[in-house]
Amino acid sequence: SGKTAVLVQRVIEKLTSDDPEKYCDADRLLIVSFT
């Protein structure tokens, strides 16, 4: 259904956002995906 693609897009947008409300440093993220 695209879960991994959604998570990847979410991370990309957080790391590249010019909006300080949406921006996040990579070391502040925990992303877990499993079957």
PDB file of all heavy atoms in Angstrom:
ATOM      1  N   SER A   1       0.806  -1.225   0.000  1.00  0.00           N
ATOM      2  CA  SER A   1       0.000   0.000   0.000  1.00  0.00           C
ATOM      3  C   SER A   1       0.838   1.274   0.000  1.00  0.00           C
ATOM      4  O   SER A   1       0.285   2.366  -0.081  1.00  0.00           O
ATOM      5  CB  SER A   1      -0.943   0.000   1.205  1.00  0.00           C
ATOM      6  OG  SER A   1      -0.191  -0.025   2.398  1.00  0.00           O
ATOM      7  N   GLY A   2       2.171   1.145   0.114  1.00  0.00           N
ATOM      8  CA  GLY A   2       3.028   2.314   0.049  1.00  0.00           C
ATOM      9  C   GLY A   2       3.495   2.845   1.393  1.00  0.00           C
ATOM     10  O   GLY A   2       3.927   3.993   1.489  1.00  0.00           O
ATOM     11  N   LYS A   3       3.447   2.021   2.440  1.00  0.00           N
ATOM     12  CA  LYS A   3       3.872   2.481   3.774  1.00  0.00           C
ATOM     13  C   LYS A   3       5.310   2.968   3.781  1.00  0.00           C
ATOM     14  O   LYS A   3       5.612   4.035   4.305  1.00  0.00           O
ATOM     15  CB  LYS A   3       3.715   1.350   4.802  1.00  0.00           C
ATOM     16  CG  LYS A   3       2.298   0.932   5.082  1.00  0.00           C
ATOM     17  CD  LYS A   3       2.247  -0.203   6.079  1.00  0.00           C
ATOM     18  CE  LYS A   3       2.916  -1.466   5.616  1.00  0.00           C
ATOM     19  NZ  LYS A   3       2.318  -2.150   4.486  1.00  0.00           N
ATOM     20  N   THR A   4       6.206   2.179   3.200  1.00  0.00           N
ATOM     21  CA  THR A   4       7.619   2.561   3.196  1.00  0.00           C
ATOM     22  C   THR A   4       7.819   3.833   2.400  1.00  0.00           C
ATOM     23  O   THR A   4       8.556   4.737   2.829  1.00  0.00           O
ATOM     24  CB  THR A   4       8.496   1.419   2.642  1.00  0.00           C
ATOM     25  OG1 THR A   4       8.301   0.257   3.458  1.00  0.00           O
ATOM     26  CG2 THR A   4       9.965   1.811   2.641  1.00  0.00           C
ATOM     27  N   ALA A   5       7.167   3.969   1.265  1.00  0.00           N
ATOM     28  CA  ALA A   5       7.274   5.185   0.454  1.00  0.00           C
ATOM     29  C   ALA A   5       6.771   6.401   1.227  1.00  0.00           C
ATOM     30  O   ALA A   5       7.363   7.483   1.167  1.00  0.00           O
ATOM     31  CB  ALA A   5       6.495   5.031  -0.849  1.00  0.00           C
ATOM     32  N   VAL A   6       5.692   6.239   1.977  1.00  0.00           N
ATOM     33  CA  VAL A   6       5.150   7.322   2.801  1.00  0.00           C
ATOM     34  C   VAL A   6       6.154   7.717   3.878  1.00  0.00           C
ATOM     35  O   VAL A   6       6.411   8.913   4.093  1.00  0.00           O
ATOM     36  CB  VAL A   6       3.790   6.910   3.429  1.00  0.00           C
ATOM     37  CG1 VAL A   6       3.398   7.838   4.558  1.00  0.00           C
ATOM     38  CG2 VAL A   6       2.708   6.876   2.358  1.00  0.00           C
ATOM     39  N   LEU A   7       6.736   6.739   4.552  1.00  0.00           N
ATOM     40  CA  LEU A   7       7.710   7.042   5.599  1.00  0.00           C
ATOM     41  C   LEU A   7       8.939   7.748   5.022  1.00  0.00           C
ATOM     42  O   LEU A   7       9.442   8.706   5.602  1.00  0.00           O
ATOM     43  CB  LEU A   7       8.116   5.765   6.333  1.00  0.00           C
ATOM     44  CG  LEU A   7       7.030   5.163   7.211  1.00  0.00           C
ATOM     45  CD1 LEU A   7       7.473   3.798   7.743  1.00  0.00           C
ATOM     46  CD2 LEU A   7       6.664   6.081   8.349  1.00  0.00           C
ATOM     47  N   VAL A   8       9.415   7.281   3.867  1.00  0.00           N
ATOM     48  CA  VAL A   8      10.573   7.914   3.230  1.00  0.00           C
ATOM     49  C   VAL A   8      10.241   9.347   2.846  1.00  0.00           C
ATOM     50  O   VAL A   8      11.029  10.268   3.095  1.00  0.00           O
ATOM     51  CB  VAL A   8      11.033   7.094   2.004  1.00  0.00           C
ATOM     52  CG1 VAL A   8      12.045   7.863   1.173  1.00  0.00           C
ATOM     53  CG2 VAL A   8      11.620   5.759   2.452  1.00  0.00           C
ATOM     54  N   GLN A   9       9.074   9.576   2.261  1.00  0.00           N
ATOM     55  CA  GLN A   9       8.679  10.935   1.875  1.00  0.00           C
ATOM     56  C   GLN A   9       8.546  11.838   3.089  1.00  0.00           C
ATOM     57  O   GLN A   9       8.948  13.002   3.073  1.00  0.00           O
ATOM     58  CB  GLN A   9       7.364  10.916   1.081  1.00  0.00           C
ATOM     59  CG  GLN A   9       6.967  12.266   0.530  1.00  0.00           C
ATOM     60  CD  GLN A   9       7.948  12.788  -0.500  1.00  0.00           C
ATOM     61  OE1 GLN A   9       8.586  12.025  -1.217  1.00  0.00           O
ATOM     62  NE2 GLN A   9       8.080  14.102  -0.583  1.00  0.00           N
ATOM     63  N   ARG A  10       8.004  11.299   4.157  1.00  0.00           N
ATOM     64  CA  ARG A  10       7.872  12.066   5.402  1.00  0.00           C
ATOM     65  C   ARG A  10       9.237  12.517   5.913  1.00  0.00           C
ATOM     66  O   ARG A  10       9.429  13.674   6.290  1.00  0.00           O
ATOM     67  CB  ARG A  10       7.151  11.206   6.442  1.00  0.00           C
ATOM     68  CG  ARG A  10       6.927  11.871   7.762  1.00  0.00           C
ATOM     69  CD  ARG A  10       6.080  10.966   8.655  1.00  0.00           C
ATOM     70  NE  ARG A  10       6.060  11.440  10.008  1.00  0.00           N
ATOM     71  CZ  ARG A  10       5.286  12.423  10.465  1.00  0.00           C
ATOM     72  NH1 ARG A  10       4.448  13.027   9.642  1.00  0.00           N
ATOM     73  NH2 ARG A  10       5.335  12.801  11.718  1.00  0.00           N
ATOM     74  N   VAL A  11      10.204  11.610   5.908  1.00  0.00           N
ATOM     75  CA  VAL A  11      11.553  11.940   6.355  1.00  0.00           C
ATOM     76  C   VAL A  11      12.185  12.987   5.432  1.00  0.00           C
ATOM     77  O   VAL A  11      12.761  13.979   5.904  1.00  0.00           O
ATOM     78  CB  VAL A  11      12.438  10.676   6.426  1.00  0.00           C
ATOM     79  CG1 VAL A  11      13.898  11.029   6.637  1.00  0.00           C
ATOM     80  CG2 VAL A  11      11.945   9.754   7.526  1.00  0.00           C
ATOM     81  N   ILE A  12      12.078  12.791   4.129  1.00  0.00           N
ATOM     82  CA  ILE A  12      12.643  13.749   3.170  1.00  0.00           C
ATOM     83  C   ILE A  12      12.083  15.137   3.415  1.00  0.00           C
ATOM     84  O   ILE A  12      12.830  16.123   3.462  1.00  0.00           O
ATOM     85  CB  ILE A  12      12.362  13.301   1.718  1.00  0.00           C
ATOM     86  CG1 ILE A  12      13.201  12.070   1.381  1.00  0.00           C
ATOM     87  CG2 ILE A  12      12.632  14.438   0.732  1.00  0.00           C
ATOM     88  CD1 ILE A  12      12.807  11.395   0.083  1.00  0.00           C
ATOM     89  N   GLU A  13      10.772  15.241   3.591  1.00  0.00           N
ATOM     90  CA  GLU A  13      10.150  16.550   3.788  1.00  0.00           C
ATOM     91  C   GLU A  13      10.572  17.181   5.114  1.00  0.00           C
ATOM     92  O   GLU A  13      10.741  18.390   5.199  1.00  0.00           O
ATOM     93  CB  GLU A  13       8.636  16.444   3.650  1.00  0.00           C
ATOM     94  CG  GLU A  13       8.237  16.151   2.213  1.00  0.00           C
ATOM     95  CD  GLU A  13       6.744  16.194   1.955  1.00  0.00           C
ATOM     96  OE1 GLU A  13       5.988  16.754   2.780  1.00  0.00           O
ATOM     97  OE2 GLU A  13       6.336  15.659   0.905  1.00  0.00           O
ATOM     98  N   LYS A  14      10.749  16.378   6.142  1.00  0.00           N
ATOM     99  CA  LYS A  14      11.197  16.917   7.439  1.00  0.00           C
ATOM    100  C   LYS A  14      12.640  17.414   7.359  1.00  0.00           C
ATOM    101  O   LYS A  14      12.985  18.436   7.937  1.00  0.00           O
ATOM    102  CB  LYS A  14      11.070  15.869   8.539  1.00  0.00           C
ATOM    103  CG  LYS A  14       9.640  15.633   8.966  1.00  0.00           C
ATOM    104  CD  LYS A  14       9.607  14.812  10.223  1.00  0.00           C
ATOM    105  CE  LYS A  14       8.244  14.846  10.855  1.00  0.00           C
ATOM    106  NZ  LYS A  14       7.827  16.146  11.313  1.00  0.00           N
ATOM    107  N   LEU A  15      13.493  16.692   6.657  1.00  0.00           N
ATOM    108  CA  LEU A  15      14.909  17.056   6.578  1.00  0.00           C
ATOM    109  C   LEU A  15      15.177  18.229   5.649  1.00  0.00           C
ATOM    110  O   LEU A  15      16.197  18.900   5.789  1.00  0.00           O
ATOM    111  CB  LEU A  15      15.739  15.847   6.126  1.00  0.00           C
ATOM    112  CG  LEU A  15      15.760  14.653   7.070  1.00  0.00           C
ATOM    113  CD1 LEU A  15      16.540  13.504   6.446  1.00  0.00           C
ATOM    114  CD2 LEU A  15      16.330  15.026   8.428  1.00  0.00           C
ATOM    115  N   THR A  16      14.282  18.466   4.696  1.00  0.00           N
ATOM    116  CA  THR A  16      14.529  19.509   3.695  1.00  0.00           C
ATOM    117  C   THR A  16      13.616  20.727   3.824  1.00  0.00           C
ATOM    118  O   THR A  16      13.723  21.649   3.031  1.00  0.00           O
ATOM    119  CB  THR A  16      14.398  18.932   2.273  1.00  0.00           C
ATOM    120  OG1 THR A  16      13.069  18.434   2.087  1.00  0.00           O
ATOM    121  CG2 THR A  16      15.405  17.815   2.034  1.00  0.00           C
ATOM    122  N   SER A  17      12.756  20.732   4.817  1.00  0.00           N
ATOM    123  CA  SER A  17      11.796  21.827   4.974  1.00  0.00           C
ATOM    124  C   SER A  17      12.486  23.141   5.341  1.00  0.00           C
ATOM    125  O   SER A  17      13.403  23.174   6.159  1.00  0.00           O
ATOM    126  CB  SER A  17      10.768  21.489   6.052  1.00  0.00           C
ATOM    127  OG  SER A  17       9.859  22.561   6.201  1.00  0.00           O
ATOM    128  N   ASP A  18      12.029  24.231   4.717  1.00  0.00           N
ATOM    129  CA  ASP A  18      12.474  25.578   5.074  1.00  0.00           C
ATOM    130  C   ASP A  18      11.653  26.145   6.223  1.00  0.00           C
ATOM    131  O   ASP A  18      11.998  27.176   6.782  1.00  0.00           O
ATOM    132  CB  ASP A  18      12.352  26.519   3.866  1.00  0.00           C
ATOM    133  CG  ASP A  18      13.343  26.164   2.766  1.00  0.00           C
ATOM    134  OD1 ASP A  18      14.435  25.653   3.086  1.00  0.00           O
ATOM    135  OD2 ASP A  18      13.021  26.401   1.588  1.00  0.00           O
ATOM    136  N   ASP A  19      10.563  25.467   6.555  1.00  0.00           N
ATOM    137  CA  ASP A  19       9.669  25.904   7.621  1.00  0.00           C
ATOM    138  C   ASP A  19      10.191  25.372   8.959  1.00  0.00           C
ATOM    139  O   ASP A  19      10.250  24.156   9.169  1.00  0.00           O
ATOM    140  CB  ASP A  19       8.261  25.374   7.359  1.00  0.00           C
ATOM    141  CG  ASP A  19       7.247  25.808   8.388  1.00  0.00           C
ATOM    142  OD1 ASP A  19       7.638  26.325   9.459  1.00  0.00           O
ATOM    143  OD2 ASP A  19       6.044  25.612   8.131  1.00  0.00           O
ATOM    144  N   PRO A  20      10.583  26.253   9.876  1.00  0.00           N
ATOM    145  CA  PRO A  20      11.115  25.789  11.163  1.00  0.00           C
ATOM    146  C   PRO A  20      10.127  24.943  11.961  1.00  0.00           C
ATOM    147  O   PRO A  20      10.534  24.135  12.803  1.00  0.00           O
ATOM    148  CB  PRO A  20      11.452  27.070  11.916  1.00  0.00           C
ATOM    149  CG  PRO A  20      11.209  28.201  11.010  1.00  0.00           C
ATOM    150  CD  PRO A  20      10.564  27.688   9.765  1.00  0.00           C
ATOM    151  N   GLU A  21       8.835  25.112  11.710  1.00  0.00           N
ATOM    152  CA  GLU A  21       7.815  24.312  12.400  1.00  0.00           C
ATOM    153  C   GLU A  21       7.821  22.860  11.909  1.00  0.00           C
ATOM    154  O   GLU A  21       7.398  21.965  12.627  1.00  0.00           O
ATOM    155  CB  GLU A  21       6.427  24.914  12.181  1.00  0.00           C
ATOM    156  CG  GLU A  21       6.261  26.287  12.771  1.00  0.00           C
ATOM    157  CD  GLU A  21       6.167  26.251  14.288  1.00  0.00           C
ATOM    158  OE1 GLU A  21       5.555  25.313  14.824  1.00  0.00           O
ATOM    159  OE2 GLU A  21       6.734  27.153  14.926  1.00  0.00           O
ATOM    160  N   LYS A  22       8.256  22.643  10.666  1.00  0.00           N
ATOM    161  CA  LYS A  22       8.229  21.301  10.074  1.00  0.00           C
ATOM    162  C   LYS A  22       9.605  20.651  10.017  1.00  0.00           C
ATOM    163  O   LYS A  22       9.702  19.436   9.934  1.00  0.00           O
ATOM    164  CB  LYS A  22       7.657  21.375   8.654  1.00  0.00           C
ATOM    165  CG  LYS A  22       6.212  21.799   8.620  1.00  0.00           C
ATOM    166  CD  LYS A  22       5.699  21.858   7.198  1.00  0.00           C
ATOM    167  CE  LYS A  22       4.253  22.325   7.161  1.00  0.00           C
ATOM    168  NZ  LYS A  22       3.749  22.442   5.799  1.00  0.00           N
ATOM    169  N   TYR A  23      10.673  21.451  10.062  1.00  0.00           N
ATOM    170  CA  TYR A  23      12.031  20.926   9.931  1.00  0.00           C
ATOM    171  C   TYR A  23      12.409  20.074  11.140  1.00  0.00           C
ATOM    172  O   TYR A  23      12.004  20.348  12.267  1.00  0.00           O
ATOM    173  CB  TYR A  23      13.043  22.070   9.791  1.00  0.00           C
ATOM    174  CG  TYR A  23      14.469  21.582   9.749  1.00  0.00           C
ATOM    175  CD1 TYR A  23      14.986  21.076   8.575  1.00  0.00           C
ATOM    176  CD2 TYR A  23      15.264  21.590  10.884  1.00  0.00           C
ATOM    177  CE1 TYR A  23      16.289  20.597   8.520  1.00  0.00           C
ATOM    178  CE2 TYR A  23      16.563  21.118  10.850  1.00  0.00           C
ATOM    179  CZ  TYR A  23      17.071  20.627   9.670  1.00  0.00           C
ATOM    180  OH  TYR A  23      18.351  20.150   9.627  1.00  0.00           O
ATOM    181  N   CYS A  24      13.222  19.048  10.890  1.00  0.00           N
ATOM    182  CA  CYS A  24      13.714  18.199  11.965  1.00  0.00           C
ATOM    183  C   CYS A  24      15.114  17.711  11.592  1.00  0.00           C
ATOM    184  O   CYS A  24      15.352  17.317  10.451  1.00  0.00           O
ATOM    185  CB  CYS A  24      12.785  17.005  12.144  1.00  0.00           C
ATOM    186  SG  CYS A  24      13.230  15.949  13.527  1.00  0.00           S
ATOM    187  N   ASP A  25      16.044  17.739  12.548  1.00  0.00           N
ATOM    188  CA  ASP A  25      17.373  17.181  12.334  1.00  0.00           C
ATOM    189  C   ASP A  25      17.275  15.658  12.261  1.00  0.00           C
ATOM    190  O   ASP A  25      16.473  15.036  12.966  1.00  0.00           O
ATOM    191  CB  ASP A  25      18.312  17.557  13.480  1.00  0.00           C
ATOM    192  CG  ASP A  25      18.708  19.017  13.460  1.00  0.00           C
ATOM    193  OD1 ASP A  25      18.940  19.551  12.347  1.00  0.00           O
ATOM    194  OD2 ASP A  25      18.802  19.618  14.542  1.00  0.00           O
ATOM    195  N   ALA A  26      18.128  15.059  11.457  1.00  0.00           N
ATOM    196  CA  ALA A  26      18.114  13.606  11.270  1.00  0.00           C
ATOM    197  C   ALA A  26      18.349  12.854  12.577  1.00  0.00           C
ATOM    198  O   ALA A  26      17.761  11.788  12.793  1.00  0.00           O
ATOM    199  CB  ALA A  26      19.161  13.201  10.235  1.00  0.00           C
ATOM    200  N   ASP A  27      19.163  13.417  13.454  1.00  0.00           N
ATOM    201  CA  ASP A  27      19.456  12.708  14.705  1.00  0.00           C
ATOM    202  C   ASP A  27      18.309  12.769  15.710  1.00  0.00           C
ATOM    203  O   ASP A  27      18.402  12.224  16.801  1.00  0.00           O
ATOM    204  CB  ASP A  27      20.759  13.192  15.324  1.00  0.00           C
ATOM    205  CG  ASP A  27      20.746  14.666  15.708  1.00  0.00           C
ATOM    206  OD1 ASP A  27      19.762  15.367  15.402  1.00  0.00           O
ATOM    207  OD2 ASP A  27      21.734  15.109  16.315  1.00  0.00           O
ATOM    208  N   ARG A  28      17.216  13.391  15.340  1.00  0.00           N
ATOM    209  CA  ARG A  28      16.025  13.450  16.201  1.00  0.00           C
ATOM    210  C   ARG A  28      14.938  12.471  15.734  1.00  0.00           C
ATOM    211  O   ARG A  28      13.859  12.433  16.310  1.00  0.00           O
ATOM    212  CB  ARG A  28      15.442  14.867  16.200  1.00  0.00           C
ATOM    213  CG  ARG A  28      16.402  15.963  16.559  1.00  0.00           C
ATOM    214  CD  ARG A  28      16.528  16.216  18.019  1.00  0.00           C
ATOM    215  NE  ARG A  28      15.211  16.482  18.573  1.00  0.00           N
ATOM    216  CZ  ARG A  28      14.909  16.280  19.853  1.00  0.00           C
ATOM    217  NH1 ARG A  28      15.811  15.846  20.680  1.00  0.00           N
ATOM    218  NH2 ARG A  28      13.704  16.547  20.295  1.00  0.00           N
ATOM    219  N   LEU A  29      15.218  11.699  14.688  1.00  0.00           N
ATOM    220  CA  LEU A  29      14.225  10.791  14.114  1.00  0.00           C
ATOM    221  C   LEU A  29      14.531   9.337  14.464  1.00  0.00           C
ATOM    222  O   LEU A  29      15.686   8.920  14.464  1.00  0.00           O
ATOM    223  CB  LEU A  29      14.194  10.923  12.589  1.00  0.00           C
ATOM    224  CG  LEU A  29      13.804  12.294  12.034  1.00  0.00           C
ATOM    225  CD1 LEU A  29      13.981  12.311  10.523  1.00  0.00           C
ATOM    226  CD2 LEU A  29      12.382  12.635  12.413  1.00  0.00           C
ATOM    227  N   LEU A  30      13.487   8.580  14.749  1.00  0.00           N
ATOM    228  CA  LEU A  30      13.576   7.130  14.887  1.00  0.00           C
ATOM    229  C   LEU A  30      12.545   6.557  13.929  1.00  0.00           C
ATOM    230  O   LEU A  30      11.346   6.821  14.072  1.00  0.00           O
ATOM    231  CB  LEU A  30      13.268   6.680  16.319  1.00  0.00           C
ATOM    232  CG  LEU A  30      13.147   5.164  16.525  1.00  0.00           C
ATOM    233  CD1 LEU A  30      14.461   4.470  16.223  1.00  0.00           C
ATOM    234  CD2 LEU A  30      12.675   4.858  17.928  1.00  0.00           C
ATOM    235  N   ILE A  31      13.003   5.827  12.947  1.00  0.00           N
ATOM    236  CA  ILE A  31      12.117   5.255  11.934  1.00  0.00           C
ATOM    237  C   ILE A  31      12.278   3.744  11.989  1.00  0.00           C
ATOM    238  O   ILE A  31      13.385   3.225  11.883  1.00  0.00           O
ATOM    239  CB  ILE A  31      12.455   5.777  10.527  1.00  0.00           C
ATOM    240  CG1 ILE A  31      12.327   7.300  10.507  1.00  0.00           C
ATOM    241  CG2 ILE A  31      11.542   5.163   9.489  1.00  0.00           C
ATOM    242  CD1 ILE A  31      13.581   7.980  10.145  1.00  0.00           C
ATOM    243  N   VAL A  32      11.166   3.039  12.173  1.00  0.00           N
ATOM    244  CA  VAL A  32      11.196   1.584  12.276  1.00  0.00           C
ATOM    245  C   VAL A  32      10.179   1.028  11.295  1.00  0.00           C
ATOM    246  O   VAL A  32       9.040   1.488  11.237  1.00  0.00           O
ATOM    247  CB  VAL A  32      10.842   1.113  13.705  1.00  0.00           C
ATOM    248  CG1 VAL A  32      10.849  -0.399  13.794  1.00  0.00           C
ATOM    249  CG2 VAL A  32      11.797   1.725  14.716  1.00  0.00           C
ATOM    250  N   SER A  33      10.604   0.036  10.524  1.00  0.00           N
ATOM    251  CA  SER A  33       9.712  -0.642   9.597  1.00  0.00           C
ATOM    252  C   SER A  33       9.993  -2.135   9.703  1.00  0.00           C
ATOM    253  O   SER A  33      11.149  -2.548   9.736  1.00  0.00           O
ATOM    254  CB  SER A  33       9.962  -0.136   8.168  1.00  0.00           C
ATOM    255  OG  SER A  33       9.146  -0.822   7.256  1.00  0.00           O
ATOM    256  N   PHE A  34       8.952  -2.943   9.805  1.00  0.00           N
ATOM    257  CA  PHE A  34       9.167  -4.375   9.894  1.00  0.00           C
ATOM    258  C   PHE A  34       7.952  -5.121   9.352  1.00  0.00           C
ATOM    259  O   PHE A  34       6.871  -4.571   9.224  1.00  0.00           O
ATOM    260  CB  PHE A  34       9.458  -4.812  11.339  1.00  0.00           C
ATOM    261  CG  PHE A  34       8.357  -4.477  12.318  1.00  0.00           C
ATOM    262  CD1 PHE A  34       7.310  -5.344  12.546  1.00  0.00           C
ATOM    263  CD2 PHE A  34       8.390  -3.272  12.999  1.00  0.00           C
ATOM    264  CE1 PHE A  34       6.313  -5.032  13.455  1.00  0.00           C
ATOM    265  CE2 PHE A  34       7.398  -2.948  13.916  1.00  0.00           C
ATOM    266  CZ  PHE A  34       6.355  -3.837  14.134  1.00  0.00           C
ATOM    267  N   THR A  35       8.183  -6.379   9.014  1.00  0.00           N
ATOM    268  CA  THR A  35       7.100  -7.239   8.542  1.00  0.00           C
ATOM    269  C   THR A  35       6.537  -8.024   9.723  1.00  0.00           C
ATOM    270  O   THR A  35       7.174  -8.155  10.767  1.00  0.00           O
ATOM    271  CB  THR A  35       7.612  -8.231   7.488  1.00  0.00           C
ATOM    272  OG1 THR A  35       8.573  -9.095   8.114  1.00  0.00           O
ATOM    273  CG2 THR A  35       8.241  -7.522   6.298  1.00  0.00           C
TER     274      THR A  35
END
